[in-house]
């Protein structure tokens, strides 16, 4: 059974930083492109960032604007999302997921093996 577990969420003031982690089962992780999504209350789940298996390729949503960095450690079967200069609009549940579609696809239906999510709350 594919398994992803997010951690590192929390409450932070605007302008602060958080680092999210996602631990994966090796069967889920090996050879897979991975991504972060987020979903705020009453809104649709949206793409945040993706990283290719080798770690060389990355893709970011426009709203990231250089504030977030996605990375991975293949030896530990984990991906990370470093979030800096956080804003109240970044408040959401953040999910990691495995890509099943082509590289560059950003719709939730192009991903599977979703984790349970990590709550990020940014106060103004």
C-alpha atoms as a PDB file:
ATOM      1  CA  UNK A   1       0.000   0.000   0.000  1.00  0.00           C
ATOM      2  CA  UNK A   2       1.426   3.336  -1.041  1.00  0.00           C
ATOM      3  CA  UNK A   3       2.005   5.617   1.925  1.00  0.00           C
ATOM      4  CA  UNK A   4       2.952   9.255   2.352  1.00  0.00           C
ATOM      5  CA  UNK A   5       3.195  11.052   5.689  1.00  0.00           C
ATOM      6  CA  UNK A   6       3.566  14.816   5.937  1.00  0.00           C
ATOM      7  CA  UNK A   7       5.019  16.700   8.906  1.00  0.00           C
ATOM      8  CA  UNK A   8       6.329  20.129   9.819  1.00  0.00           C
ATOM      9  CA  UNK A   9       3.178  22.201   9.645  1.00  0.00           C
ATOM     10  CA  UNK A  10       2.255  24.745  12.282  1.00  0.00           C
ATOM     11  CA  UNK A  11       1.364  28.310  13.126  1.00  0.00           C
ATOM     12  CA  UNK A  12       3.687  31.088  12.015  1.00  0.00           C
ATOM     13  CA  UNK A  13       3.487  34.846  11.716  1.00  0.00           C
ATOM     14  CA  UNK A  14       3.468  36.522   8.326  1.00  0.00           C
ATOM     15  CA  UNK A  15       6.999  36.803   7.000  1.00  0.00           C
ATOM     16  CA  UNK A  16       8.105  33.669   8.813  1.00  0.00           C
ATOM     17  CA  UNK A  17       9.277  30.290   7.535  1.00  0.00           C
ATOM     18  CA  UNK A  18       8.314  26.633   7.777  1.00  0.00           C
ATOM     19  CA  UNK A  19       9.779  23.460   6.352  1.00  0.00           C
ATOM     20  CA  UNK A  20       7.439  20.640   5.441  1.00  0.00           C
ATOM     21  CA  UNK A  21       8.604  17.050   5.118  1.00  0.00           C
ATOM     22  CA  UNK A  22       6.979  14.079   3.448  1.00  0.00           C
ATOM     23  CA  UNK A  23       8.156  10.557   4.213  1.00  0.00           C
ATOM     24  CA  UNK A  24       7.263   7.923   1.646  1.00  0.00           C
ATOM     25  CA  UNK A  25       7.325   4.194   1.457  1.00  0.00           C
ATOM     26  CA  UNK A  26      10.147   3.128  -0.808  1.00  0.00           C
ATOM     27  CA  UNK A  27       7.771   1.429  -3.209  1.00  0.00           C
ATOM     28  CA  UNK A  28       5.885   4.715  -3.599  1.00  0.00           C
ATOM     29  CA  UNK A  29       8.989   6.815  -3.942  1.00  0.00           C
ATOM     30  CA  UNK A  30      11.513   5.061  -6.148  1.00  0.00           C
ATOM     31  CA  UNK A  31      11.497   6.393  -9.690  1.00  0.00           C
ATOM     32  CA  UNK A  32       8.610   8.786  -9.017  1.00  0.00           C
ATOM     33  CA  UNK A  33       8.158  12.471  -9.604  1.00  0.00           C
ATOM     34  CA  UNK A  34       6.672  14.033  -6.473  1.00  0.00           C
ATOM     35  CA  UNK A  35       4.757  17.185  -5.677  1.00  0.00           C
ATOM     36  CA  UNK A  36       3.183  19.394  -3.054  1.00  0.00           C
ATOM     37  CA  UNK A  37      -0.406  20.618  -3.250  1.00  0.00           C
ATOM     38  CA  UNK A  38      -2.437  22.724  -0.874  1.00  0.00           C
ATOM     39  CA  UNK A  39      -6.093  23.241  -0.095  1.00  0.00           C
ATOM     40  CA  UNK A  40      -7.596  26.118   1.826  1.00  0.00           C
ATOM     41  CA  UNK A  41     -11.102  25.899   3.366  1.00  0.00           C
ATOM     42  CA  UNK A  42     -13.752  26.309   0.703  1.00  0.00           C
ATOM     43  CA  UNK A  43     -11.227  26.229  -2.138  1.00  0.00           C
ATOM     44  CA  UNK A  44     -10.067  23.614  -4.586  1.00  0.00           C
ATOM     45  CA  UNK A  45      -6.830  21.729  -4.123  1.00  0.00           C
ATOM     46  CA  UNK A  46      -4.068  23.519  -6.007  1.00  0.00           C
ATOM     47  CA  UNK A  47      -0.604  22.670  -7.234  1.00  0.00           C
ATOM     48  CA  UNK A  48       2.343  24.203  -5.358  1.00  0.00           C
ATOM     49  CA  UNK A  49       5.525  22.566  -6.623  1.00  0.00           C
ATOM     50  CA  UNK A  50       6.878  19.371  -8.169  1.00  0.00           C
ATOM     51  CA  UNK A  51      10.277  17.710  -8.375  1.00  0.00           C
ATOM     52  CA  UNK A  52      11.549  15.050 -10.714  1.00  0.00           C
ATOM     53  CA  UNK A  53      13.000  11.747  -9.599  1.00  0.00           C
ATOM     54  CA  UNK A  54      16.600  12.900 -10.115  1.00  0.00           C
ATOM     55  CA  UNK A  55      15.961  16.168  -8.324  1.00  0.00           C
ATOM     56  CA  UNK A  56      17.219  18.224 -11.260  1.00  0.00           C
ATOM     57  CA  UNK A  57      13.809  19.212 -12.555  1.00  0.00           C
ATOM     58  CA  UNK A  58      11.466  21.419 -10.536  1.00  0.00           C
ATOM     59  CA  UNK A  59       8.185  23.155 -11.302  1.00  0.00           C
ATOM     60  CA  UNK A  60       6.505  25.876  -9.251  1.00  0.00           C
ATOM     61  CA  UNK A  61       3.125  27.553  -9.249  1.00  0.00           C
ATOM     62  CA  UNK A  62       3.234  31.235 -10.100  1.00  0.00           C
ATOM     63  CA  UNK A  63       2.094  32.299  -6.645  1.00  0.00           C
ATOM     64  CA  UNK A  64       5.257  30.804  -5.110  1.00  0.00           C
ATOM     65  CA  UNK A  65       7.224  33.734  -6.581  1.00  0.00           C
ATOM     66  CA  UNK A  66      10.595  32.449  -5.361  1.00  0.00           C
ATOM     67  CA  UNK A  67       9.480  32.016  -1.764  1.00  0.00           C
ATOM     68  CA  UNK A  68       9.289  28.199  -1.675  1.00  0.00           C
ATOM     69  CA  UNK A  69      11.871  25.545  -2.534  1.00  0.00           C
ATOM     70  CA  UNK A  70      11.085  21.885  -3.152  1.00  0.00           C
ATOM     71  CA  UNK A  71      13.788  19.283  -2.638  1.00  0.00           C
ATOM     72  CA  UNK A  72      14.160  15.544  -2.091  1.00  0.00           C
ATOM     73  CA  UNK A  73      16.437  13.020  -0.460  1.00  0.00           C
ATOM     74  CA  UNK A  74      16.171   9.783  -2.401  1.00  0.00           C
ATOM     75  CA  UNK A  75      18.242   7.911   0.173  1.00  0.00           C
ATOM     76  CA  UNK A  76      15.639   8.722   2.823  1.00  0.00           C
ATOM     77  CA  UNK A  77      12.641   8.463   0.481  1.00  0.00           C
ATOM     78  CA  UNK A  78      11.526  11.949   1.457  1.00  0.00           C
ATOM     79  CA  UNK A  79      10.643  15.273  -0.111  1.00  0.00           C
ATOM     80  CA  UNK A  80      10.659  18.700   1.484  1.00  0.00           C
ATOM     81  CA  UNK A  81       9.110  22.120   0.987  1.00  0.00           C
ATOM     82  CA  UNK A  82      10.984  25.068   2.440  1.00  0.00           C
ATOM     83  CA  UNK A  83       8.570  27.991   2.689  1.00  0.00           C
ATOM     84  CA  UNK A  84       9.890  31.493   3.342  1.00  0.00           C
ATOM     85  CA  UNK A  85       8.200  34.896   3.526  1.00  0.00           C
ATOM     86  CA  UNK A  86       4.902  33.222   4.320  1.00  0.00           C
ATOM     87  CA  UNK A  87       1.698  35.190   3.869  1.00  0.00           C
ATOM     88  CA  UNK A  88      -1.776  34.733   5.369  1.00  0.00           C
ATOM     89  CA  UNK A  89      -2.985  33.548   1.933  1.00  0.00           C
ATOM     90  CA  UNK A  90      -0.615  30.580   2.288  1.00  0.00           C
ATOM     91  CA  UNK A  91      -2.806  29.220   5.069  1.00  0.00           C
ATOM     92  CA  UNK A  92      -3.959  25.772   3.952  1.00  0.00           C
ATOM     93  CA  UNK A  93      -3.592  22.050   4.392  1.00  0.00           C
ATOM     94  CA  UNK A  94      -0.501  20.959   2.477  1.00  0.00           C
ATOM     95  CA  UNK A  95      -0.323  17.536   0.851  1.00  0.00           C
ATOM     96  CA  UNK A  96       2.417  15.586  -0.854  1.00  0.00           C
ATOM     97  CA  UNK A  97       1.574  13.288  -3.733  1.00  0.00           C
ATOM     98  CA  UNK A  98       3.123  11.040  -6.335  1.00  0.00           C
ATOM     99  CA  UNK A  99       2.789  11.954  -9.989  1.00  0.00           C
ATOM    100  CA  UNK A 100       1.226   9.350 -12.249  1.00  0.00           C
ATOM    101  CA  UNK A 101       0.910  11.521 -15.327  1.00  0.00           C
ATOM    102  CA  UNK A 102       3.419  13.290 -17.518  1.00  0.00           C
ATOM    103  CA  UNK A 103       5.950  15.748 -16.123  1.00  0.00           C
ATOM    104  CA  UNK A 104       4.475  19.210 -15.942  1.00  0.00           C
ATOM    105  CA  UNK A 105       0.945  18.057 -15.228  1.00  0.00           C
ATOM    106  CA  UNK A 106      -0.536  20.053 -12.359  1.00  0.00           C
ATOM    107  CA  UNK A 107      -4.032  18.734 -11.880  1.00  0.00           C
ATOM    108  CA  UNK A 108      -4.824  16.669  -8.788  1.00  0.00           C
ATOM    109  CA  UNK A 109      -6.055  13.853 -11.031  1.00  0.00           C
ATOM    110  CA  UNK A 110      -2.510  13.496 -12.369  1.00  0.00           C
ATOM    111  CA  UNK A 111      -1.314  12.470  -8.916  1.00  0.00           C
ATOM    112  CA  UNK A 112      -1.985   9.566  -6.604  1.00  0.00           C
ATOM    113  CA  UNK A 113      -0.836   8.257  -3.234  1.00  0.00           C
ATOM    114  CA  UNK A 114      -1.885  11.351  -1.299  1.00  0.00           C
ATOM    115  CA  UNK A 115      -0.800  11.882   2.280  1.00  0.00           C
ATOM    116  CA  UNK A 116      -3.086  13.026   5.114  1.00  0.00           C
ATOM    117  CA  UNK A 117      -1.796  16.582   4.986  1.00  0.00           C
ATOM    118  CA  UNK A 118      -0.010  19.063   7.236  1.00  0.00           C
ATOM    119  CA  UNK A 119      -1.798  22.207   8.392  1.00  0.00           C
ATOM    120  CA  UNK A 120      -0.027  25.513   7.800  1.00  0.00           C
ATOM    121  CA  UNK A 121      -1.524  28.609   9.396  1.00  0.00           C
ATOM    122  CA  UNK A 122      -0.053  32.051   8.816  1.00  0.00           C
ATOM    123  CA  UNK A 123      -1.229  34.857  11.060  1.00  0.00           C
ATOM    124  CA  UNK A 124      -1.177  38.489   9.995  1.00  0.00           C
END
